[in-house]
Amino acid sequence: MTSTKQTIRVALVGCGQIADAHLGEIRKLSYAEVVGVCDLFEDLASQAATRFNVAKTFTDMGTMFEAVKPDVVHITTPVHTHAPLAIEAMRMGMNVYLEKPFSIDLAEAETVFDVAEETGKRITVGHDQSFEPIWRECLDIANSGALGSVQHIDSILSYPIAGNFGRQVVGNPNHRVRRLPGGLFQNTISHPLYRITDLMPDTSPDIWAKWFTKEPDIPFPTELRVHFLGNPISANLLFTSTTRPSRIVRIYGEKDGLEVDLDIQTIQRMHNGSLPGAFQKLQGPFIHFREAARNLRRNIGKFARSEIHYFSGMTRLFDQFYQSILNDTELPISYDEIRRVTRFMDEIFAYCSANDNNIVKDENALEAVTV
């Protein structure tokens, strides 16, 4: 059934840094109206409202819901607050967009899904980079069979530990991120992880993982290596804080491979050509040159149309989520997929914890490792 409603009313809770991205992308959707923002710190709410021309500010979520009656609320608060705030919002009649990561762990996620079923409200998670046009083009190529059967995936995320947020985590022994089961990684690895699960259908691959630090002055892990063995696809996830920032995925198929760089917005086929002997040494660079020229032409066109921006996937995900609410259609991210990504994160952190001799091992976490 198609909705005849022309607008969707949106509210936002949590006016930190990522809230600016949300508010900026929401206003690109002509049918979406931000009717209120909320933060425990009144100054943060007021500043966000001023920057994005939002009429009303609040310091209490329940008060905001009663006053402006939104259709959907974006929750952009720290992860330990996600589940309680989402549950409260759904019980008050709101649909919910949760920033990543979805929850502290799978058990908490299941509680949220139970309330979604109980209330009939919809919820999604901020896996926005899965909706970036360049990544969707990459998935189309892989799913078309052009690479043959996908056999392996490398997903890389370089994280700037020396950046503003990283310095806060390093400098504060009581920082909320350092108290999470996955520490620094829990806040971020859903991005490189769901780029693997977008192509890996397995629900229970074998997982090996190791976390460590290369920085003697940092007392917590800042590097993560994860290996997945599924059937038939294997994968590696690399989280590193010692290289330049990058978001790169390499996909290897039976026939061919490709590399997508989400930062510079390029897709490069990794084939060397079919000519014999020395001729292949000429054909391969020519193919790579042709791919580079194609990427340049496409990006020039996108630049001219103002289509190149960091949060393009966020805009698309917002749009699809809102349309699913207005038109009672399929959610952009299934609850089973949110469960799968959350469970893999639980298993990664449990495995690392169980095999780290420098920290106290959690016997309950040991039981959750499925290797």
Protein backbone atom coordinates (compact mmCIF):
# COMPACT_ATOMS: atom_id res chain seq x y z
CA MET A 1 0.00 0.00 0.00
CA THR A 2 1.38 3.43 -0.95
CA SER A 3 1.15 6.21 1.60
CA THR A 4 -0.41 9.51 0.61
CA LYS A 5 1.46 11.33 3.35
CA GLN A 6 3.68 14.04 1.87
CA THR A 7 6.15 14.58 4.71
CA ILE A 8 7.81 12.66 7.49
CA ARG A 9 8.51 14.34 10.81
CA VAL A 10 11.98 13.63 12.20
CA ALA A 11 13.52 14.28 15.60
CA LEU A 12 17.09 13.71 16.76
CA VAL A 13 18.51 12.74 20.15
CA GLY A 14 22.20 13.34 20.84
CA CYS A 15 23.74 16.50 19.36
CA GLY A 16 27.38 15.45 19.18
CA GLN A 17 29.60 15.46 16.10
CA ILE A 18 27.78 12.80 14.05
CA ALA A 19 24.48 14.62 14.59
CA ASP A 20 25.65 17.32 12.18
CA ALA A 21 25.97 14.71 9.43
CA HIS A 22 22.46 13.41 10.15
CA LEU A 23 20.88 16.85 10.18
CA GLY A 24 22.72 17.89 7.04
CA GLU A 25 21.63 14.80 5.09
CA ILE A 26 18.02 14.81 6.35
CA ARG A 27 17.46 18.28 4.94
CA LYS A 28 18.47 17.03 1.47
CA LEU A 29 15.23 15.01 1.45
CA SER A 30 12.46 17.39 0.45
CA TYR A 31 9.72 15.42 2.21
CA ALA A 32 11.56 15.16 5.57
CA GLU A 33 11.17 17.83 8.24
CA VAL A 34 13.30 17.98 11.39
CA VAL A 35 10.89 19.09 14.11
CA GLY A 36 13.13 18.90 17.16
CA VAL A 37 16.57 18.09 18.55
CA CYS A 38 17.40 16.90 22.04
CA ASP A 39 20.52 16.64 24.17
CA LEU A 40 21.11 16.48 27.92
CA PHE A 41 23.33 19.53 27.43
CA GLU A 42 21.10 22.40 26.40
CA ASP A 43 23.94 24.29 24.71
CA LEU A 44 24.63 21.38 22.34
CA ALA A 45 20.97 21.14 21.35
CA SER A 46 20.72 24.90 20.82
CA GLN A 47 23.88 25.02 18.71
CA ALA A 48 22.69 22.16 16.49
CA ALA A 49 19.28 23.79 16.10
CA THR A 50 20.89 27.07 15.08
CA ARG A 51 23.21 25.45 12.53
CA PHE A 52 20.41 23.51 10.87
CA ASN A 53 17.45 25.83 11.39
CA VAL A 54 15.50 23.53 13.72
CA ALA A 55 12.70 25.33 15.52
CA LYS A 56 12.59 23.47 18.84
CA THR A 57 15.19 22.13 21.28
CA PHE A 58 14.81 19.85 24.29
CA THR A 59 16.83 18.24 27.07
CA ASP A 60 14.39 15.35 27.61
CA MET A 61 13.43 12.88 24.91
CA GLY A 62 9.97 12.10 26.26
CA THR A 63 9.11 15.79 26.49
CA MET A 64 10.23 16.26 22.90
CA PHE A 65 8.08 13.39 21.64
CA GLU A 66 4.98 14.74 23.33
CA ALA A 67 5.60 18.28 22.05
CA VAL A 68 6.51 17.68 18.40
CA LYS A 69 5.14 14.15 17.74
CA PRO A 70 7.77 12.91 15.25
CA ASP A 71 7.29 9.87 13.01
CA VAL A 72 10.92 8.77 13.42
CA VAL A 73 13.73 9.61 15.80
CA HIS A 74 17.46 9.42 15.06
CA ILE A 75 19.44 8.30 18.09
CA THR A 76 23.03 9.50 17.78
CA THR A 77 24.15 8.97 21.37
CA PRO A 78 26.91 6.62 22.67
CA VAL A 79 26.27 2.91 22.11
CA HIS A 80 25.62 2.04 25.76
CA THR A 81 22.48 4.22 25.57
CA HIS A 82 21.17 2.85 22.27
CA ALA A 83 19.02 0.00 23.55
CA PRO A 84 17.28 1.84 26.43
CA LEU A 85 16.61 4.93 24.31
CA ALA A 86 15.35 2.90 21.34
CA ILE A 87 13.05 0.87 23.58
CA GLU A 88 11.65 4.01 25.22
CA ALA A 89 11.14 5.67 21.83
CA MET A 90 9.32 2.69 20.28
CA ARG A 91 7.06 2.35 23.31
CA MET A 92 6.17 6.02 22.87
CA GLY A 93 5.19 5.35 19.25
CA MET A 94 8.34 6.34 17.35
CA ASN A 95 10.21 4.52 14.60
CA VAL A 96 13.95 4.52 15.29
CA TYR A 97 17.15 5.08 13.34
CA LEU A 98 20.09 3.99 15.52
CA GLU A 99 23.63 5.09 14.77
CA LYS A 100 26.11 2.24 14.56
CA PRO A 101 26.91 0.08 16.39
CA PHE A 102 23.39 -1.16 16.97
CA SER A 103 23.90 -2.31 20.57
CA ILE A 104 26.44 -3.46 23.12
CA ASP A 105 25.89 -7.11 22.17
CA LEU A 106 23.45 -9.52 20.56
CA ALA A 107 21.48 -10.14 23.75
CA GLU A 108 20.74 -6.43 24.00
CA ALA A 109 19.85 -6.31 20.29
CA GLU A 110 17.31 -9.12 20.73
CA THR A 111 15.61 -7.14 23.50
CA VAL A 112 15.29 -4.20 21.11
CA PHE A 113 13.84 -6.41 18.36
CA ASP A 114 11.34 -7.88 20.82
CA VAL A 115 10.06 -4.38 21.57
CA ALA A 116 9.93 -3.55 17.85
CA GLU A 117 7.72 -6.60 17.33
CA GLU A 118 5.62 -5.78 20.40
CA THR A 119 5.00 -2.16 19.35
CA GLY A 120 4.87 -2.66 15.57
CA LYS A 121 7.50 0.06 15.12
CA ARG A 122 10.42 -0.08 12.70
CA ILE A 123 14.10 0.23 13.52
CA THR A 124 17.28 0.32 11.47
CA VAL A 125 21.00 0.89 12.03
CA GLY A 126 23.50 3.30 10.54
CA HIS A 127 25.23 0.96 8.11
CA ASP A 128 25.22 3.92 5.74
CA GLN A 129 28.44 3.14 3.88
CA SER A 130 26.75 0.02 2.52
CA PHE A 131 24.48 2.40 0.58
CA GLU A 132 27.20 4.53 -1.00
CA PRO A 133 26.74 4.54 -4.79
CA ILE A 134 30.33 3.41 -5.46
CA TRP A 135 29.87 0.41 -3.14
CA ARG A 136 26.50 -0.45 -4.69
CA GLU A 137 28.16 -0.41 -8.12
CA CYS A 138 30.82 -2.75 -6.78
CA LEU A 139 28.15 -5.13 -5.43
CA ASP A 140 26.34 -5.05 -8.78
CA ILE A 141 29.54 -6.13 -10.55
CA ALA A 142 30.23 -8.90 -8.05
CA ASN A 143 26.63 -10.16 -8.09
CA SER A 144 26.43 -10.07 -11.90
CA GLY A 145 28.86 -12.98 -12.20
CA ALA A 146 31.47 -10.85 -13.98
CA LEU A 147 34.08 -11.92 -11.42
CA GLY A 148 32.94 -15.52 -11.34
CA SER A 149 32.09 -16.98 -7.96
CA VAL A 150 33.43 -14.72 -5.19
CA GLN A 151 36.09 -16.58 -3.21
CA HIS A 152 37.71 -14.05 -0.89
CA ILE A 153 37.26 -10.49 0.46
CA ASP A 154 39.76 -8.12 2.07
CA SER A 155 38.15 -5.22 3.96
CA ILE A 156 40.46 -2.50 5.28
CA LEU A 157 39.79 0.41 7.59
CA SER A 158 42.54 2.79 8.69
CA TYR A 159 41.54 4.67 11.80
CA PRO A 160 43.29 7.93 12.82
CA ILE A 161 44.12 7.31 16.48
CA ALA A 162 45.89 10.69 16.41
CA GLY A 163 42.65 12.40 15.29
CA ASN A 164 40.41 14.43 17.57
CA PHE A 165 38.29 11.53 18.81
CA GLY A 166 41.24 9.14 19.01
CA ARG A 167 43.18 11.56 21.19
CA GLN A 168 40.20 11.80 23.54
CA VAL A 169 40.09 8.02 23.91
CA VAL A 170 43.84 7.78 24.49
CA GLY A 171 43.92 10.66 26.96
CA ASN A 172 41.03 9.59 29.17
CA PRO A 173 41.45 6.27 31.06
CA ASN A 174 37.71 6.34 31.86
CA HIS A 175 36.53 7.13 28.34
CA ARG A 176 33.29 5.28 27.55
CA VAL A 177 34.86 3.64 24.45
CA ARG A 178 37.59 2.00 26.55
CA ARG A 179 34.88 0.37 28.70
CA LEU A 180 33.13 -1.33 25.76
CA PRO A 181 33.60 -5.11 25.24
CA GLY A 182 35.34 -4.34 21.95
CA GLY A 183 37.05 -1.17 23.10
CA LEU A 184 38.10 1.17 20.31
CA PHE A 185 37.04 -1.33 17.65
CA GLN A 186 33.42 -1.67 18.78
CA ASN A 187 32.74 1.94 17.87
CA THR A 188 33.91 1.54 14.27
CA ILE A 189 34.40 -1.98 12.87
CA SER A 190 30.81 -2.45 11.81
CA HIS A 191 31.74 -0.47 8.65
CA PRO A 192 34.46 -2.83 7.33
CA LEU A 193 32.52 -5.80 8.71
CA TYR A 194 29.27 -5.22 6.85
CA ARG A 195 31.24 -4.70 3.66
CA ILE A 196 32.22 -8.34 4.14
CA THR A 197 28.75 -9.57 5.10
CA ASP A 198 27.25 -7.79 2.07
CA LEU A 199 29.02 -10.48 0.01
CA MET A 200 29.42 -13.36 2.49
CA PRO A 201 26.11 -15.21 3.03
CA ASP A 202 27.39 -17.51 5.80
CA THR A 203 25.63 -17.24 9.13
CA SER A 204 28.33 -19.10 11.10
CA PRO A 205 31.78 -18.80 9.52
CA ASP A 206 34.81 -19.83 11.56
CA ILE A 207 36.43 -16.73 13.06
CA TRP A 208 39.97 -16.09 14.28
CA ALA A 209 40.98 -12.69 15.60
CA LYS A 210 43.78 -10.84 17.33
CA TRP A 211 43.98 -7.36 18.78
CA PHE A 212 47.16 -5.57 19.87
CA THR A 213 48.87 -2.20 19.83
CA LYS A 214 52.02 -1.05 18.05
CA GLU A 215 52.19 2.08 20.22
CA PRO A 216 54.05 1.52 23.52
CA ASP A 217 52.43 4.59 25.07
CA ILE A 218 48.85 3.46 24.37
CA PRO A 219 47.59 1.01 27.03
CA PHE A 220 44.81 -0.57 24.98
CA PRO A 221 44.56 -2.38 21.61
CA THR A 222 44.57 -0.17 18.52
CA GLU A 223 45.16 -2.83 15.85
CA LEU A 224 42.78 -5.65 14.90
CA ARG A 225 43.16 -8.57 12.48
CA VAL A 226 40.22 -10.88 11.80
CA HIS A 227 40.02 -13.95 9.56
CA PHE A 228 36.74 -15.51 8.43
CA LEU A 229 36.42 -18.95 6.88
CA GLY A 230 33.01 -19.44 5.32
CA ASN A 231 31.73 -21.72 2.60
CA PRO A 232 32.88 -20.94 -0.04
CA ILE A 233 33.97 -17.38 0.83
CA SER A 234 36.84 -16.45 3.14
CA ALA A 235 37.65 -12.92 4.28
CA ASN A 236 40.14 -10.76 6.13
CA LEU A 237 39.27 -7.64 8.11
CA LEU A 238 42.12 -5.23 8.81
CA PHE A 239 41.67 -2.38 11.29
CA THR A 240 44.83 -0.34 11.61
CA SER A 241 45.67 2.95 13.29
CA THR A 242 49.23 3.15 11.95
CA THR A 243 48.60 3.87 8.27
CA ARG A 244 46.96 6.74 6.44
CA PRO A 245 43.14 6.83 6.68
CA SER A 246 41.59 4.60 4.04
CA ARG A 247 38.49 2.53 3.31
CA ILE A 248 39.40 -0.15 0.77
CA VAL A 249 37.79 -3.46 -0.18
CA ARG A 250 39.26 -6.07 -2.52
CA ILE A 251 37.04 -8.81 -3.91
CA TYR A 252 38.58 -11.90 -5.50
CA GLY A 253 36.53 -14.10 -7.81
CA GLU A 254 37.25 -17.22 -9.84
CA LYS A 255 37.61 -15.19 -13.03
CA ASP A 256 38.57 -11.73 -11.93
CA GLY A 257 38.87 -9.35 -9.00
CA LEU A 258 38.26 -5.73 -8.19
CA GLU A 259 39.27 -3.10 -5.68
CA VAL A 260 37.00 -0.33 -4.49
CA ASP A 261 38.39 2.71 -2.71
CA LEU A 262 35.54 4.45 -0.94
CA ASP A 263 37.60 7.54 -0.14
CA ILE A 264 38.66 8.44 -3.66
CA GLN A 265 35.54 6.82 -5.16
CA THR A 266 37.17 4.43 -7.62
CA ILE A 267 36.63 0.86 -8.76
CA GLN A 268 39.65 -0.90 -10.29
CA ARG A 269 39.36 -4.29 -11.95
CA MET A 270 42.31 -6.48 -10.96
CA HIS A 271 42.78 -8.44 -14.18
CA ASN A 272 46.10 -8.64 -15.98
CA GLY A 273 44.86 -9.48 -19.45
CA SER A 274 44.68 -12.55 -21.65
CA LEU A 275 47.53 -12.08 -24.13
CA PRO A 276 50.47 -14.51 -24.03
CA GLY A 277 53.93 -13.89 -22.65
CA ALA A 278 55.40 -10.41 -22.80
CA PHE A 279 52.28 -8.99 -24.45
CA GLN A 280 50.43 -9.45 -21.16
CA LYS A 281 52.91 -7.04 -19.56
CA LEU A 282 51.63 -4.40 -21.96
CA GLN A 283 47.98 -5.37 -21.91
CA GLY A 284 47.75 -5.33 -18.10
CA PRO A 285 48.95 -1.72 -17.63
CA PHE A 286 46.74 -0.63 -20.55
CA ILE A 287 43.69 -2.19 -18.87
CA HIS A 288 44.57 -0.44 -15.61
CA PHE A 289 45.03 2.87 -17.47
CA ARG A 290 41.62 2.44 -19.10
CA GLU A 291 40.04 1.74 -15.71
CA ALA A 292 41.68 4.85 -14.24
CA ALA A 293 40.41 6.99 -17.13
CA ARG A 294 36.89 5.64 -16.63
CA ASN A 295 37.03 6.44 -12.92
CA LEU A 296 38.26 9.95 -13.66
CA ARG A 297 35.47 10.62 -16.16
CA ARG A 298 32.84 9.33 -13.77
CA ASN A 299 34.12 11.38 -10.83
CA ILE A 300 34.37 14.55 -12.94
CA GLY A 301 30.73 14.03 -13.91
CA LYS A 302 29.70 13.44 -10.30
CA PHE A 303 31.64 16.52 -9.19
CA ALA A 304 29.92 18.64 -11.82
CA ARG A 305 26.54 17.39 -10.58
CA SER A 306 27.52 17.92 -6.91
CA GLU A 307 27.10 14.19 -6.28
CA ILE A 308 30.43 13.56 -4.54
CA HIS A 309 30.14 13.89 -0.80
CA TYR A 310 31.22 11.74 2.14
CA PHE A 311 27.75 10.93 3.46
CA SER A 312 26.01 10.00 0.20
CA GLY A 313 25.21 6.55 1.58
CA MET A 314 23.63 8.11 4.65
CA THR A 315 21.21 10.11 2.51
CA ARG A 316 20.19 6.98 0.59
CA LEU A 317 19.71 4.94 3.75
CA PHE A 318 17.57 7.69 5.35
CA ASP A 319 15.44 7.85 2.22
CA GLN A 320 14.90 4.09 2.05
CA PHE A 321 14.09 3.86 5.76
CA TYR A 322 11.62 6.74 5.62
CA GLN A 323 9.97 5.30 2.51
CA SER A 324 9.58 1.94 4.25
CA ILE A 325 7.73 3.76 7.06
CA LEU A 326 5.53 5.86 4.78
CA ASN A 327 4.70 3.08 2.33
CA ASP A 328 4.82 0.02 4.60
CA THR A 329 7.52 -1.58 2.45
CA GLU A 330 10.59 -3.69 3.15
CA LEU A 331 13.24 -2.30 5.50
CA PRO A 332 16.55 -1.34 3.88
CA ILE A 333 18.46 -3.55 6.37
CA SER A 334 16.81 -6.71 7.64
CA TYR A 335 16.78 -7.52 11.33
CA ASP A 336 18.54 -10.81 10.54
CA GLU A 337 21.41 -8.88 8.95
CA ILE A 338 21.68 -6.60 11.98
CA ARG A 339 21.73 -9.71 14.17
CA ARG A 340 24.44 -11.33 12.04
CA VAL A 341 26.77 -8.31 12.13
CA THR A 342 26.22 -7.90 15.88
CA ARG A 343 26.87 -11.59 16.53
CA PHE A 344 30.09 -11.53 14.49
CA MET A 345 31.26 -8.53 16.52
CA ASP A 346 30.51 -10.41 19.75
CA GLU A 347 32.50 -13.41 18.53
CA ILE A 348 35.45 -11.28 17.41
CA PHE A 349 35.71 -9.50 20.75
CA ALA A 350 35.24 -12.70 22.75
CA TYR A 351 37.95 -14.45 20.76
CA CYS A 352 40.38 -11.55 21.19
CA SER A 353 39.63 -11.30 24.90
CA ALA A 354 40.08 -15.03 25.44
CA ASN A 355 43.47 -15.00 23.73
CA ASP A 356 44.88 -11.80 25.24
CA ASN A 357 47.18 -12.63 28.15
CA ASN A 358 47.35 -8.99 29.21
CA ILE A 359 43.71 -8.63 30.26
CA VAL A 360 41.32 -10.43 32.58
CA LYS A 361 39.48 -13.15 30.68
CA ASP A 362 35.69 -13.32 30.85
CA GLU A 363 34.67 -16.97 31.16
CA ASN A 364 31.17 -16.18 29.90
CA ALA A 365 32.69 -14.61 26.80
CA LEU A 366 34.74 -17.77 26.21
CA GLU A 367 31.54 -19.77 25.81
CA ALA A 368 30.35 -17.41 23.08
CA VAL A 369 33.30 -18.08 20.78
CA THR A 370 32.30 -20.31 17.86
CA VAL A 371 35.55 -21.35 16.22
